């Protein structure tokens, strides 16, 4: 036996220094080891270990064993631990959610060690899915996938949430060009709007300048109303006033008397042989509503009139079809035909 060792019981053996073996075939082979119970055993390398109970085995230093591998025992009536090195009981484990009501272990998630409850790491090797998550409503709360999809729909541009849970790239079309993020699209839209506003401002400046020039020249423009009708009418030729040679006057179809009209007169000579015909009024503009029409650089004379030139620069109206009703314009062919059939008056 060892130095200062004690062995009590049939077959008891205490070979370790200062060891004790109490019970039938109890054996304590390590320094300061204790084997209590029949066949209790402390191995030689388990200094300061205790094997407590029959057939208990202590094989690690500084440990207390109450059983053996495959023959474990419960330790009952354990008070709640209060210090870092105290044992805890099942009641304490239930309170922390680590065991269920029956004392079985739970796969509860706990805070990372030494994180002061500021960090929690899930154990899944490929990540861990959190299911049944309520919609977050306040700062610091988690959002669920439904809220995530709603965010993607709000962005627009055909964006969606892909299979991996990532929001796809949007596509926005502005003025024929594509942009793939909201910032670039808004920048392009802002540029387009700015350009349009600048164009409108420039146009307003030009219109104001034109109006001022017309006002200064006494030729105030008249803007036609939508749907305003513009008509021309032929007017009967005046009778000859000369006392010299015989004159020819043409007959004409009378036009309705305009209530608000501006007539443009074109002195034209019609003659048979060498005798000029009387001056004739060949066109009149009838006002149906306040409106004017002009051609190229023509200056409108009054409302509901058609001008093809100005007082200093007249223009021809070509390709005029033969008038069919009283208010239609007549062409030269019709006037020539009228002259050919006109009656001749001689002064006596």
C-alpha atoms as a PDB file:
ATOM      1  CA  UNK A   1       0.000   0.000   0.000  1.00  0.00           C
ATOM      2  CA  UNK A   2       1.002   3.589  -0.427  1.00  0.00           C
ATOM      3  CA  UNK A   3       2.536   5.929   2.089  1.00  0.00           C
ATOM      4  CA  UNK A   4      -0.096   7.001   4.605  1.00  0.00           C
ATOM      5  CA  UNK A   5      -2.776   4.969   2.769  1.00  0.00           C
ATOM      6  CA  UNK A   6      -5.821   3.262   4.347  1.00  0.00           C
ATOM      7  CA  UNK A   7      -7.631   0.139   3.056  1.00  0.00           C
ATOM      8  CA  UNK A   8     -10.764  -1.223   4.800  1.00  0.00           C
ATOM      9  CA  UNK A   9     -12.707  -4.265   3.545  1.00  0.00           C
ATOM     10  CA  UNK A  10     -12.102  -7.661   2.124  1.00  0.00           C
ATOM     11  CA  UNK A  11      -9.790  -7.322  -0.803  1.00  0.00           C
ATOM     12  CA  UNK A  12      -9.567  -3.524  -0.381  1.00  0.00           C
ATOM     13  CA  UNK A  13      -6.343  -2.018  -1.706  1.00  0.00           C
ATOM     14  CA  UNK A  14      -4.886   1.531  -1.403  1.00  0.00           C
ATOM     15  CA  UNK A  15      -1.633   1.775  -3.344  1.00  0.00           C
ATOM     16  CA  UNK A  16      -1.522   5.533  -3.811  1.00  0.00           C
ATOM     17  CA  UNK A  17       0.145   7.714  -1.252  1.00  0.00           C
ATOM     18  CA  UNK A  18      -2.371   9.183   1.177  1.00  0.00           C
ATOM     19  CA  UNK A  19      -5.173   7.242  -0.537  1.00  0.00           C
ATOM     20  CA  UNK A  20      -8.172   5.464   1.034  1.00  0.00           C
ATOM     21  CA  UNK A  21     -10.070   2.381  -0.155  1.00  0.00           C
ATOM     22  CA  UNK A  22     -13.242   1.516   1.781  1.00  0.00           C
ATOM     23  CA  UNK A  23     -15.345  -1.527   0.788  1.00  0.00           C
ATOM     24  CA  UNK A  24     -15.125  -4.963  -0.643  1.00  0.00           C
ATOM     25  CA  UNK A  25     -12.533  -4.959  -3.426  1.00  0.00           C
ATOM     26  CA  UNK A  26     -12.350  -1.150  -3.301  1.00  0.00           C
ATOM     27  CA  UNK A  27      -9.132   0.167  -4.867  1.00  0.00           C
ATOM     28  CA  UNK A  28      -7.460   3.583  -4.773  1.00  0.00           C
ATOM     29  CA  UNK A  29      -4.287   3.697  -6.856  1.00  0.00           C
ATOM     30  CA  UNK A  30      -3.719   7.473  -7.258  1.00  0.00           C
ATOM     31  CA  UNK A  31      -2.234  10.001  -4.859  1.00  0.00           C
ATOM     32  CA  UNK A  32      -4.824  11.467  -2.467  1.00  0.00           C
ATOM     33  CA  UNK A  33      -7.562   9.399  -4.152  1.00  0.00           C
ATOM     34  CA  UNK A  34     -10.614   7.858  -2.445  1.00  0.00           C
ATOM     35  CA  UNK A  35     -12.615   4.769  -3.427  1.00  0.00           C
ATOM     36  CA  UNK A  36     -15.842   4.344  -1.404  1.00  0.00           C
ATOM     37  CA  UNK A  37     -18.005   1.283  -2.086  1.00  0.00           C
ATOM     38  CA  UNK A  38     -17.619  -2.248  -3.178  1.00  0.00           C
ATOM     39  CA  UNK A  39     -15.475  -2.488  -6.268  1.00  0.00           C
ATOM     40  CA  UNK A  40     -15.115   1.298  -6.386  1.00  0.00           C
ATOM     41  CA  UNK A  41     -11.996   2.158  -8.319  1.00  0.00           C
ATOM     42  CA  UNK A  42      -9.689   5.164  -8.776  1.00  0.00           C
ATOM     43  CA  UNK A  43      -7.177   4.730 -11.596  1.00  0.00           C
ATOM     44  CA  UNK A  44      -3.459   5.510 -11.018  1.00  0.00           C
ATOM     45  CA  UNK A  45      -3.515   8.731 -13.118  1.00  0.00           C
ATOM     46  CA  UNK A  46      -6.565  10.213 -11.355  1.00  0.00           C
ATOM     47  CA  UNK A  47      -4.871  12.082  -8.529  1.00  0.00           C
ATOM     48  CA  UNK A  48      -7.227  13.740  -6.053  1.00  0.00           C
ATOM     49  CA  UNK A  49     -10.216  11.914  -7.600  1.00  0.00           C
ATOM     50  CA  UNK A  50     -13.133  10.247  -5.781  1.00  0.00           C
ATOM     51  CA  UNK A  51     -15.033   7.117  -6.874  1.00  0.00           C
ATOM     52  CA  UNK A  52     -18.289   7.262  -4.894  1.00  0.00           C
ATOM     53  CA  UNK A  53     -20.528   4.202  -4.799  1.00  0.00           C
ATOM     54  CA  UNK A  54     -20.289   0.595  -5.764  1.00  0.00           C
ATOM     55  CA  UNK A  55     -18.627  -0.047  -9.106  1.00  0.00           C
ATOM     56  CA  UNK A  56     -17.980   3.669  -9.587  1.00  0.00           C
ATOM     57  CA  UNK A  57     -14.870   4.512 -11.587  1.00  0.00           C
ATOM     58  CA  UNK A  58     -12.857   7.759 -11.367  1.00  0.00           C
ATOM     59  CA  UNK A  59     -10.355   8.003 -14.212  1.00  0.00           C
ATOM     60  CA  UNK A  60      -9.658  11.752 -14.337  1.00  0.00           C
ATOM     61  CA  UNK A  61      -7.750  13.811 -11.839  1.00  0.00           C
ATOM     62  CA  UNK A  62      -9.637  16.154  -9.553  1.00  0.00           C
ATOM     63  CA  UNK A  63     -13.060  14.634 -10.320  1.00  0.00           C
ATOM     64  CA  UNK A  64     -15.875  12.964  -8.393  1.00  0.00           C
ATOM     65  CA  UNK A  65     -17.484   9.989 -10.121  1.00  0.00           C
ATOM     66  CA  UNK A  66     -20.826   8.527  -8.954  1.00  0.00           C
ATOM     67  CA  UNK A  67     -20.958   5.804 -11.576  1.00  0.00           C
ATOM     68  CA  UNK A  68     -19.209   4.492 -14.619  1.00  0.00           C
ATOM     69  CA  UNK A  69     -19.593   4.612 -18.374  1.00  0.00           C
ATOM     70  CA  UNK A  70     -22.959   2.984 -19.126  1.00  0.00           C
ATOM     71  CA  UNK A  71     -23.921   2.896 -15.452  1.00  0.00           C
ATOM     72  CA  UNK A  72     -24.448   6.555 -14.611  1.00  0.00           C
ATOM     73  CA  UNK A  73     -26.283   7.824 -11.509  1.00  0.00           C
ATOM     74  CA  UNK A  74     -28.351  10.943 -10.790  1.00  0.00           C
ATOM     75  CA  UNK A  75     -27.402  13.326  -8.036  1.00  0.00           C
ATOM     76  CA  UNK A  76     -30.630  14.335  -6.324  1.00  0.00           C
ATOM     77  CA  UNK A  77     -31.545  17.182  -3.973  1.00  0.00           C
ATOM     78  CA  UNK A  78     -28.982  19.551  -5.468  1.00  0.00           C
ATOM     79  CA  UNK A  79     -29.410  23.128  -4.332  1.00  0.00           C
ATOM     80  CA  UNK A  80     -29.420  25.881  -6.930  1.00  0.00           C
ATOM     81  CA  UNK A  81     -25.922  27.046  -7.692  1.00  0.00           C
ATOM     82  CA  UNK A  82     -25.131  30.636  -6.877  1.00  0.00           C
ATOM     83  CA  UNK A  83     -21.468  30.944  -7.759  1.00  0.00           C
ATOM     84  CA  UNK A  84     -19.679  30.397 -11.051  1.00  0.00           C
ATOM     85  CA  UNK A  85     -18.269  27.041  -9.886  1.00  0.00           C
ATOM     86  CA  UNK A  86     -21.487  25.759  -8.243  1.00  0.00           C
ATOM     87  CA  UNK A  87     -23.525  22.958  -9.744  1.00  0.00           C
ATOM     88  CA  UNK A  88     -26.942  23.912 -11.145  1.00  0.00           C
ATOM     89  CA  UNK A  89     -30.122  21.909 -10.823  1.00  0.00           C
ATOM     90  CA  UNK A  90     -32.833  21.107 -13.393  1.00  0.00           C
ATOM     91  CA  UNK A  91     -35.016  23.935 -12.097  1.00  0.00           C
ATOM     92  CA  UNK A  92     -32.388  26.440 -13.083  1.00  0.00           C
ATOM     93  CA  UNK A  93     -32.049  24.899 -16.532  1.00  0.00           C
ATOM     94  CA  UNK A  94     -35.822  25.065 -17.107  1.00  0.00           C
ATOM     95  CA  UNK A  95     -35.822  28.734 -16.204  1.00  0.00           C
ATOM     96  CA  UNK A  96     -33.250  29.420 -18.889  1.00  0.00           C
ATOM     97  CA  UNK A  97     -35.128  27.398 -21.521  1.00  0.00           C
ATOM     98  CA  UNK A  98     -32.368  24.868 -21.900  1.00  0.00           C
ATOM     99  CA  UNK A  99     -34.512  21.892 -20.819  1.00  0.00           C
ATOM    100  CA  UNK A 100     -38.210  21.062 -21.098  1.00  0.00           C
ATOM    101  CA  UNK A 101     -40.642  20.192 -18.310  1.00  0.00           C
ATOM    102  CA  UNK A 102     -39.390  16.613 -18.273  1.00  0.00           C
ATOM    103  CA  UNK A 103     -35.815  17.734 -17.968  1.00  0.00           C
ATOM    104  CA  UNK A 104     -34.939  16.818 -21.558  1.00  0.00           C
ATOM    105  CA  UNK A 105     -32.506  19.047 -23.394  1.00  0.00           C
ATOM    106  CA  UNK A 106     -33.838  21.604 -25.854  1.00  0.00           C
ATOM    107  CA  UNK A 107     -32.078  22.962 -28.938  1.00  0.00           C
ATOM    108  CA  UNK A 108     -32.513  26.480 -27.628  1.00  0.00           C
ATOM    109  CA  UNK A 109     -30.591  29.359 -29.162  1.00  0.00           C
ATOM    110  CA  UNK A 110     -28.481  31.261 -26.692  1.00  0.00           C
ATOM    111  CA  UNK A 111     -26.411  34.392 -26.818  1.00  0.00           C
ATOM    112  CA  UNK A 112     -22.791  34.126 -27.809  1.00  0.00           C
ATOM    113  CA  UNK A 113     -20.419  33.718 -24.898  1.00  0.00           C
ATOM    114  CA  UNK A 114     -18.975  36.937 -23.502  1.00  0.00           C
ATOM    115  CA  UNK A 115     -21.258  39.027 -25.763  1.00  0.00           C
ATOM    116  CA  UNK A 116     -23.243  40.630 -22.931  1.00  0.00           C
ATOM    117  CA  UNK A 117     -26.364  39.515 -24.838  1.00  0.00           C
ATOM    118  CA  UNK A 118     -25.392  41.712 -27.790  1.00  0.00           C
ATOM    119  CA  UNK A 119     -24.734  38.913 -30.268  1.00  0.00           C
ATOM    120  CA  UNK A 120     -26.430  35.667 -31.216  1.00  0.00           C
ATOM    121  CA  UNK A 121     -25.024  33.255 -33.794  1.00  0.00           C
ATOM    122  CA  UNK A 122     -27.140  30.520 -35.349  1.00  0.00           C
ATOM    123  CA  UNK A 123     -25.539  27.137 -35.663  1.00  0.00           C
ATOM    124  CA  UNK A 124     -26.568  26.047 -39.152  1.00  0.00           C
ATOM    125  CA  UNK A 125     -23.548  25.355 -41.345  1.00  0.00           C
ATOM    126  CA  UNK A 126     -25.330  26.821 -44.381  1.00  0.00           C
ATOM    127  CA  UNK A 127     -27.240  29.476 -42.484  1.00  0.00           C
ATOM    128  CA  UNK A 128     -30.456  29.155 -40.490  1.00  0.00           C
ATOM    129  CA  UNK A 129     -33.969  30.127 -41.615  1.00  0.00           C
ATOM    130  CA  UNK A 130     -36.141  31.972 -39.115  1.00  0.00           C
ATOM    131  CA  UNK A 131     -39.758  30.974 -39.728  1.00  0.00           C
ATOM    132  CA  UNK A 132     -43.063  32.439 -38.529  1.00  0.00           C
ATOM    133  CA  UNK A 133     -41.575  35.926 -38.136  1.00  0.00           C
ATOM    134  CA  UNK A 134     -44.133  38.664 -37.518  1.00  0.00           C
ATOM    135  CA  UNK A 135     -43.956  41.886 -39.520  1.00  0.00           C
ATOM    136  CA  UNK A 136     -41.623  44.368 -37.878  1.00  0.00           C
ATOM    137  CA  UNK A 137     -43.289  47.670 -37.000  1.00  0.00           C
ATOM    138  CA  UNK A 138     -40.625  49.633 -35.160  1.00  0.00           C
ATOM    139  CA  UNK A 139     -36.948  50.464 -35.346  1.00  0.00           C
ATOM    140  CA  UNK A 140     -34.796  47.545 -34.301  1.00  0.00           C
ATOM    141  CA  UNK A 141     -37.405  44.911 -35.264  1.00  0.00           C
ATOM    142  CA  UNK A 142     -36.886  42.285 -37.943  1.00  0.00           C
ATOM    143  CA  UNK A 143     -38.965  42.348 -41.130  1.00  0.00           C
ATOM    144  CA  UNK A 144     -40.345  39.249 -42.821  1.00  0.00           C
ATOM    145  CA  UNK A 145     -40.238  38.141 -46.462  1.00  0.00           C
ATOM    146  CA  UNK A 146     -43.672  39.566 -47.256  1.00  0.00           C
ATOM    147  CA  UNK A 147     -42.455  43.026 -46.303  1.00  0.00           C
ATOM    148  CA  UNK A 148     -39.349  42.438 -48.397  1.00  0.00           C
ATOM    149  CA  UNK A 149     -41.441  41.587 -51.489  1.00  0.00           C
ATOM    150  CA  UNK A 150     -43.558  44.686 -50.923  1.00  0.00           C
ATOM    151  CA  UNK A 151     -40.389  46.786 -50.960  1.00  0.00           C
ATOM    152  CA  UNK A 152     -39.372  45.270 -54.305  1.00  0.00           C
ATOM    153  CA  UNK A 153     -42.810  46.038 -55.791  1.00  0.00           C
ATOM    154  CA  UNK A 154     -42.558  49.640 -54.590  1.00  0.00           C
ATOM    155  CA  UNK A 155     -39.254  50.146 -56.402  1.00  0.00           C
ATOM    156  CA  UNK A 156     -40.894  49.215 -59.736  1.00  0.00           C
ATOM    157  CA  UNK A 157     -38.963  48.893 -62.960  1.00  0.00           C
ATOM    158  CA  UNK A 158     -39.839  45.192 -63.223  1.00  0.00           C
ATOM    159  CA  UNK A 159     -37.784  44.370 -60.140  1.00  0.00           C
ATOM    160  CA  UNK A 160     -38.558  41.172 -58.229  1.00  0.00           C
ATOM    161  CA  UNK A 161     -37.110  39.002 -55.475  1.00  0.00           C
ATOM    162  CA  UNK A 162     -35.038  36.180 -56.932  1.00  0.00           C
ATOM    163  CA  UNK A 163     -34.765  32.556 -55.746  1.00  0.00           C
ATOM    164  CA  UNK A 164     -31.858  33.447 -53.481  1.00  0.00           C
ATOM    165  CA  UNK A 165     -33.883  36.153 -51.742  1.00  0.00           C
ATOM    166  CA  UNK A 166     -32.021  38.977 -53.477  1.00  0.00           C
ATOM    167  CA  UNK A 167     -33.794  41.929 -55.109  1.00  0.00           C
ATOM    168  CA  UNK A 168     -33.153  41.983 -58.852  1.00  0.00           C
ATOM    169  CA  UNK A 169     -31.955  44.907 -60.939  1.00  0.00           C
ATOM    170  CA  UNK A 170     -34.698  47.310 -62.106  1.00  0.00           C
ATOM    171  CA  UNK A 171     -34.870  48.831 -65.583  1.00  0.00           C
ATOM    172  CA  UNK A 172     -36.311  52.310 -66.166  1.00  0.00           C
ATOM    173  CA  UNK A 173     -36.790  53.832 -69.647  1.00  0.00           C
ATOM    174  CA  UNK A 174     -36.395  57.622 -69.919  1.00  0.00           C
ATOM    175  CA  UNK A 175     -36.388  59.346 -73.314  1.00  0.00           C
ATOM    176  CA  UNK A 176     -35.484  56.120 -75.118  1.00  0.00           C
ATOM    177  CA  UNK A 177     -32.579  55.224 -72.810  1.00  0.00           C
ATOM    178  CA  UNK A 178     -32.510  52.538 -70.100  1.00  0.00           C
ATOM    179  CA  UNK A 179     -31.340  53.096 -66.536  1.00  0.00           C
ATOM    180  CA  UNK A 180     -30.763  50.342 -64.009  1.00  0.00           C
ATOM    181  CA  UNK A 181     -31.095  52.103 -60.689  1.00  0.00           C
ATOM    182  CA  UNK A 182     -33.517  54.639 -59.272  1.00  0.00           C
ATOM    183  CA  UNK A 183     -30.926  57.393 -58.851  1.00  0.00           C
ATOM    184  CA  UNK A 184     -29.801  57.378 -62.498  1.00  0.00           C
ATOM    185  CA  UNK A 185     -33.405  57.207 -63.740  1.00  0.00           C
ATOM    186  CA  UNK A 186     -34.458  60.187 -61.627  1.00  0.00           C
ATOM    187  CA  UNK A 187     -31.405  62.116 -62.795  1.00  0.00           C
ATOM    188  CA  UNK A 188     -32.288  61.476 -66.445  1.00  0.00           C
ATOM    189  CA  UNK A 189     -35.920  62.434 -65.833  1.00  0.00           C
ATOM    190  CA  UNK A 190     -34.861  65.634 -64.119  1.00  0.00           C
ATOM    191  CA  UNK A 191     -32.642  66.487 -67.074  1.00  0.00           C
ATOM    192  CA  UNK A 192     -35.468  65.847 -69.550  1.00  0.00           C
ATOM    193  CA  UNK A 193     -37.900  68.014 -67.585  1.00  0.00           C
ATOM    194  CA  UNK A 194     -35.319  70.774 -67.264  1.00  0.00           C
ATOM    195  CA  UNK A 195     -34.709  70.685 -71.020  1.00  0.00           C
ATOM    196  CA  UNK A 196     -38.434  70.866 -71.732  1.00  0.00           C
ATOM    197  CA  UNK A 197     -38.887  73.804 -69.373  1.00  0.00           C
ATOM    198  CA  UNK A 198     -35.960  75.623 -70.962  1.00  0.00           C
ATOM    199  CA  UNK A 199     -37.480  75.023 -74.403  1.00  0.00           C
ATOM    200  CA  UNK A 200     -40.833  76.407 -73.278  1.00  0.00           C
ATOM    201  CA  UNK A 201     -39.126  79.441 -71.768  1.00  0.00           C
ATOM    202  CA  UNK A 202     -37.215  80.048 -75.014  1.00  0.00           C
ATOM    203  CA  UNK A 203     -40.406  79.697 -77.061  1.00  0.00           C
ATOM    204  CA  UNK A 204     -42.230  82.151 -74.803  1.00  0.00           C
ATOM    205  CA  UNK A 205     -39.393  84.633 -75.284  1.00  0.00           C
ATOM    206  CA  UNK A 206     -39.576  84.311 -79.073  1.00  0.00           C
ATOM    207  CA  UNK A 207     -43.375  84.645 -79.139  1.00  0.00           C
ATOM    208  CA  UNK A 208     -43.176  87.729 -76.956  1.00  0.00           C
ATOM    209  CA  UNK A 209     -40.577  89.242 -79.298  1.00  0.00           C
ATOM    210  CA  UNK A 210     -42.724  88.546 -82.394  1.00  0.00           C
ATOM    211  CA  UNK A 211     -45.809  90.021 -80.750  1.00  0.00           C
ATOM    212  CA  UNK A 212     -43.830  93.116 -79.806  1.00  0.00           C
ATOM    213  CA  UNK A 213     -42.549  93.555 -83.363  1.00  0.00           C
ATOM    214  CA  UNK A 214     -46.042  93.190 -84.839  1.00  0.00           C
ATOM    215  CA  UNK A 215     -47.459  95.587 -82.272  1.00  0.00           C
ATOM    216  CA  UNK A 216     -44.786  98.133 -83.119  1.00  0.00           C
ATOM    217  CA  UNK A 217     -45.544  97.865 -86.848  1.00  0.00           C
ATOM    218  CA  UNK A 218     -49.278  98.241 -86.311  1.00  0.00           C
ATOM    219  CA  UNK A 219     -49.988  94.719 -87.552  1.00  0.00           C
ATOM    220  CA  UNK A 220     -51.443  93.108 -84.460  1.00  0.00           C
ATOM    221  CA  UNK A 221     -51.903  89.387 -85.068  1.00  0.00           C
ATOM    222  CA  UNK A 222     -55.330  87.877 -84.777  1.00  0.00           C
ATOM    223  CA  UNK A 223     -55.537  84.306 -83.458  1.00  0.00           C
ATOM    224  CA  UNK A 224     -58.280  82.181 -85.092  1.00  0.00           C
ATOM    225  CA  UNK A 225     -60.762  80.405 -82.928  1.00  0.00           C
ATOM    226  CA  UNK A 226     -60.974  76.645 -83.154  1.00  0.00           C
ATOM    227  CA  UNK A 227     -63.338  75.638 -85.955  1.00  0.00           C
ATOM    228  CA  UNK A 228     -63.704  79.161 -87.364  1.00  0.00           C
ATOM    229  CA  UNK A 229     -64.744  79.175 -91.034  1.00  0.00           C
ATOM    230  CA  UNK A 230     -62.963  81.326 -93.591  1.00  0.00           C
ATOM    231  CA  UNK A 231     -64.694  82.027 -96.910  1.00  0.00           C
ATOM    232  CA  UNK A 232     -64.154  84.048-100.088  1.00  0.00           C
ATOM    233  CA  UNK A 233     -66.855  85.447-102.369  1.00  0.00           C
ATOM    234  CA  UNK A 234     -66.861  86.880-105.856  1.00  0.00           C
ATOM    235  CA  UNK A 235     -68.194  90.434-106.193  1.00  0.00           C
ATOM    236  CA  UNK A 236     -69.909  91.978-109.208  1.00  0.00           C
ATOM    237  CA  UNK A 237     -67.743  94.126-111.464  1.00  0.00           C
ATOM    238  CA  UNK A 238     -68.329  97.870-111.529  1.00  0.00           C
ATOM    239  CA  UNK A 239     -69.932  99.454-114.594  1.00  0.00           C
ATOM    240  CA  UNK A 240     -67.629 101.384-116.981  1.00  0.00           C
ATOM    241  CA  UNK A 241     -67.098 105.010-116.062  1.00  0.00           C
ATOM    242  CA  UNK A 242     -64.980 106.214-118.985  1.00  0.00           C
ATOM    243  CA  UNK A 243     -66.561 108.513-121.629  1.00  0.00           C
ATOM    244  CA  UNK A 244     -64.193 107.398-124.338  1.00  0.00           C
ATOM    245  CA  UNK A 245     -64.356 104.054-126.013  1.00  0.00           C
ATOM    246  CA  UNK A 246     -67.049 101.439-125.421  1.00  0.00           C
ATOM    247  CA  UNK A 247     -66.487  99.413-122.274  1.00  0.00           C
ATOM    248  CA  UNK A 248     -67.386  95.875-121.396  1.00  0.00           C
ATOM    249  CA  UNK A 249     -68.846  94.938-118.019  1.00  0.00           C
ATOM    250  CA  UNK A 250     -69.064  91.372-116.868  1.00  0.00           C
ATOM    251  CA  UNK A 251     -72.050  89.880-115.167  1.00  0.00           C
ATOM    252  CA  UNK A 252     -71.434  88.046-111.918  1.00  0.00           C
ATOM    253  CA  UNK A 253     -73.180  85.976-109.301  1.00  0.00           C
ATOM    254  CA  UNK A 254     -74.056  88.055-106.288  1.00  0.00           C
ATOM    255  CA  UNK A 255     -72.432  87.014-103.015  1.00  0.00           C
ATOM    256  CA  UNK A 256     -74.244  87.169 -99.661  1.00  0.00           C
ATOM    257  CA  UNK A 257     -73.788  90.534 -98.031  1.00  0.00           C
ATOM    258  CA  UNK A 258     -71.204  90.087 -95.256  1.00  0.00           C
ATOM    259  CA  UNK A 259     -71.949  91.662 -91.911  1.00  0.00           C
ATOM    260  CA  UNK A 260     -68.322  91.846 -90.826  1.00  0.00           C
ATOM    261  CA  UNK A 261     -66.095  91.680 -93.844  1.00  0.00           C
ATOM    262  CA  UNK A 262     -62.825  92.967 -95.061  1.00  0.00           C
ATOM    263  CA  UNK A 263     -62.601  93.148 -98.851  1.00  0.00           C
ATOM    264  CA  UNK A 264     -59.303  93.102-100.692  1.00  0.00           C
ATOM    265  CA  UNK A 265     -59.471  94.839-104.050  1.00  0.00           C
ATOM    266  CA  UNK A 266     -57.280  93.930-107.002  1.00  0.00           C
ATOM    267  CA  UNK A 267     -57.533  96.426-109.893  1.00  0.00           C
ATOM    268  CA  UNK A 268     -57.723  94.334-113.027  1.00  0.00           C
ATOM    269  CA  UNK A 269     -58.324  95.525-116.663  1.00  0.00           C
ATOM    270  CA  UNK A 270     -60.700  93.504-118.814  1.00  0.00           C
ATOM    271  CA  UNK A 271     -60.986  94.647-122.460  1.00  0.00           C
ATOM    272  CA  UNK A 272     -62.321  93.734-125.900  1.00  0.00           C
ATOM    273  CA  UNK A 273     -59.894  94.758-128.567  1.00  0.00           C
ATOM    274  CA  UNK A 274     -58.030  97.805-127.343  1.00  0.00           C
ATOM    275  CA  UNK A 275     -60.689  99.017-124.906  1.00  0.00           C
ATOM    276  CA  UNK A 276     -59.992  98.276-121.260  1.00  0.00           C
ATOM    277  CA  UNK A 277     -62.818  96.885-119.191  1.00  0.00           C
ATOM    278  CA  UNK A 278     -63.987  98.419-115.999  1.00  0.00           C
ATOM    279  CA  UNK A 279     -62.132  97.854-112.797  1.00  0.00           C
ATOM    280  CA  UNK A 280     -63.546  94.861-110.959  1.00  0.00           C
ATOM    281  CA  UNK A 281     -63.485  93.653-107.437  1.00  0.00           C
ATOM    282  CA  UNK A 282     -62.409  90.062-107.663  1.00  0.00           C
ATOM    283  CA  UNK A 283     -62.210  88.881-104.071  1.00  0.00           C
ATOM    284  CA  UNK A 284     -63.758  89.504-100.683  1.00  0.00           C
ATOM    285  CA  UNK A 285     -63.219  87.862 -97.312  1.00  0.00           C
ATOM    286  CA  UNK A 286     -66.306  87.255 -95.243  1.00  0.00           C
ATOM    287  CA  UNK A 287     -66.102  87.126 -91.418  1.00  0.00           C
ATOM    288  CA  UNK A 288     -67.999  84.174 -89.945  1.00  0.00           C
ATOM    289  CA  UNK A 289     -66.110  84.275 -86.654  1.00  0.00           C
ATOM    290  CA  UNK A 290     -63.050  86.161 -85.489  1.00  0.00           C
ATOM    291  CA  UNK A 291     -60.265  84.258 -87.291  1.00  0.00           C
ATOM    292  CA  UNK A 292     -57.583  84.802 -89.914  1.00  0.00           C
ATOM    293  CA  UNK A 293     -55.421  82.642 -92.162  1.00  0.00           C
ATOM    294  CA  UNK A 294     -52.145  83.634 -93.777  1.00  0.00           C
ATOM    295  CA  UNK A 295     -49.677  82.109 -96.217  1.00  0.00           C
ATOM    296  CA  UNK A 296     -45.914  82.307 -95.657  1.00  0.00           C
ATOM    297  CA  UNK A 297     -45.087  85.913 -94.713  1.00  0.00           C
ATOM    298  CA  UNK A 298     -48.570  87.262 -95.439  1.00  0.00           C
ATOM    299  CA  UNK A 299     -50.088  89.787 -93.066  1.00  0.00           C
ATOM    300  CA  UNK A 300     -53.709  89.203 -91.961  1.00  0.00           C
ATOM    301  CA  UNK A 301     -55.915  92.239 -92.533  1.00  0.00           C
ATOM    302  CA  UNK A 302     -58.880  91.503 -90.275  1.00  0.00           C
ATOM    303  CA  UNK A 303     -60.705  88.676 -88.545  1.00  0.00           C
ATOM    304  CA  UNK A 304     -61.855  85.687 -90.633  1.00  0.00           C
ATOM    305  CA  UNK A 305     -59.825  86.760 -93.662  1.00  0.00           C
ATOM    306  CA  UNK A 306     -57.324  84.968 -95.862  1.00  0.00           C
ATOM    307  CA  UNK A 307     -54.217  86.926 -96.839  1.00  0.00           C
ATOM    308  CA  UNK A 308     -51.646  85.729 -99.390  1.00  0.00           C
ATOM    309  CA  UNK A 309     -49.360  88.724 -99.077  1.00  0.00           C
ATOM    310  CA  UNK A 310     -49.234  92.300 -97.898  1.00  0.00           C
ATOM    311  CA  UNK A 311     -50.056  95.693 -99.320  1.00  0.00           C
ATOM    312  CA  UNK A 312     -46.549  96.044-100.681  1.00  0.00           C
ATOM    313  CA  UNK A 313     -46.051  92.446-101.789  1.00  0.00           C
ATOM    314  CA  UNK A 314     -49.036  90.626-103.291  1.00  0.00           C
ATOM    315  CA  UNK A 315     -49.032  86.927-104.129  1.00  0.00           C
ATOM    316  CA  UNK A 316     -51.017  84.820-106.575  1.00  0.00           C
ATOM    317  CA  UNK A 317     -53.303  82.027-105.418  1.00  0.00           C
ATOM    318  CA  UNK A 318     -52.822  79.206-107.916  1.00  0.00           C
ATOM    319  CA  UNK A 319     -54.526  75.902-108.687  1.00  0.00           C
ATOM    320  CA  UNK A 320     -57.947  77.306-107.730  1.00  0.00           C
ATOM    321  CA  UNK A 321     -60.788  75.027-108.815  1.00  0.00           C
ATOM    322  CA  UNK A 322     -63.811  76.524-110.535  1.00  0.00           C
ATOM    323  CA  UNK A 323     -66.278  77.851-107.972  1.00  0.00           C
ATOM    324  CA  UNK A 324     -69.543  75.905-107.773  1.00  0.00           C
ATOM    325  CA  UNK A 325     -71.706  77.856-105.327  1.00  0.00           C
ATOM    326  CA  UNK A 326     -72.242  81.543-104.750  1.00  0.00           C
ATOM    327  CA  UNK A 327     -69.633  81.863-102.004  1.00  0.00           C
ATOM    328  CA  UNK A 328     -66.862  79.924-103.799  1.00  0.00           C
ATOM    329  CA  UNK A 329     -63.801  81.665-105.218  1.00  0.00           C
ATOM    330  CA  UNK A 330     -63.729  82.004-109.022  1.00  0.00           C
ATOM    331  CA  UNK A 331     -60.646  81.314-111.103  1.00  0.00           C
ATOM    332  CA  UNK A 332     -59.359  83.216-114.170  1.00  0.00           C
ATOM    333  CA  UNK A 333     -60.973  80.708-116.520  1.00  0.00           C
ATOM    334  CA  UNK A 334     -64.415  81.495-115.133  1.00  0.00           C
ATOM    335  CA  UNK A 335     -63.760  85.237-115.321  1.00  0.00           C
ATOM    336  CA  UNK A 336     -62.613  84.968-118.963  1.00  0.00           C
ATOM    337  CA  UNK A 337     -65.741  83.003-119.810  1.00  0.00           C
ATOM    338  CA  UNK A 338     -67.891  85.632-118.132  1.00  0.00           C
ATOM    339  CA  UNK A 339     -66.184  88.398-120.124  1.00  0.00           C
ATOM    340  CA  UNK A 340     -66.734  86.528-123.378  1.00  0.00           C
ATOM    341  CA  UNK A 341     -70.468  86.352-122.756  1.00  0.00           C
ATOM    342  CA  UNK A 342     -70.825  89.811-121.271  1.00  0.00           C
ATOM    343  CA  UNK A 343     -73.232  92.380-122.735  1.00  0.00           C
ATOM    344  CA  UNK A 344     -71.736  95.466-124.420  1.00  0.00           C
ATOM    345  CA  UNK A 345     -73.083  98.936-123.710  1.00  0.00           C
ATOM    346  CA  UNK A 346     -72.342 101.955-125.859  1.00  0.00           C
ATOM    347  CA  UNK A 347     -72.844 105.520-124.836  1.00  0.00           C
ATOM    348  CA  UNK A 348     -74.988 107.637-127.016  1.00  0.00           C
END
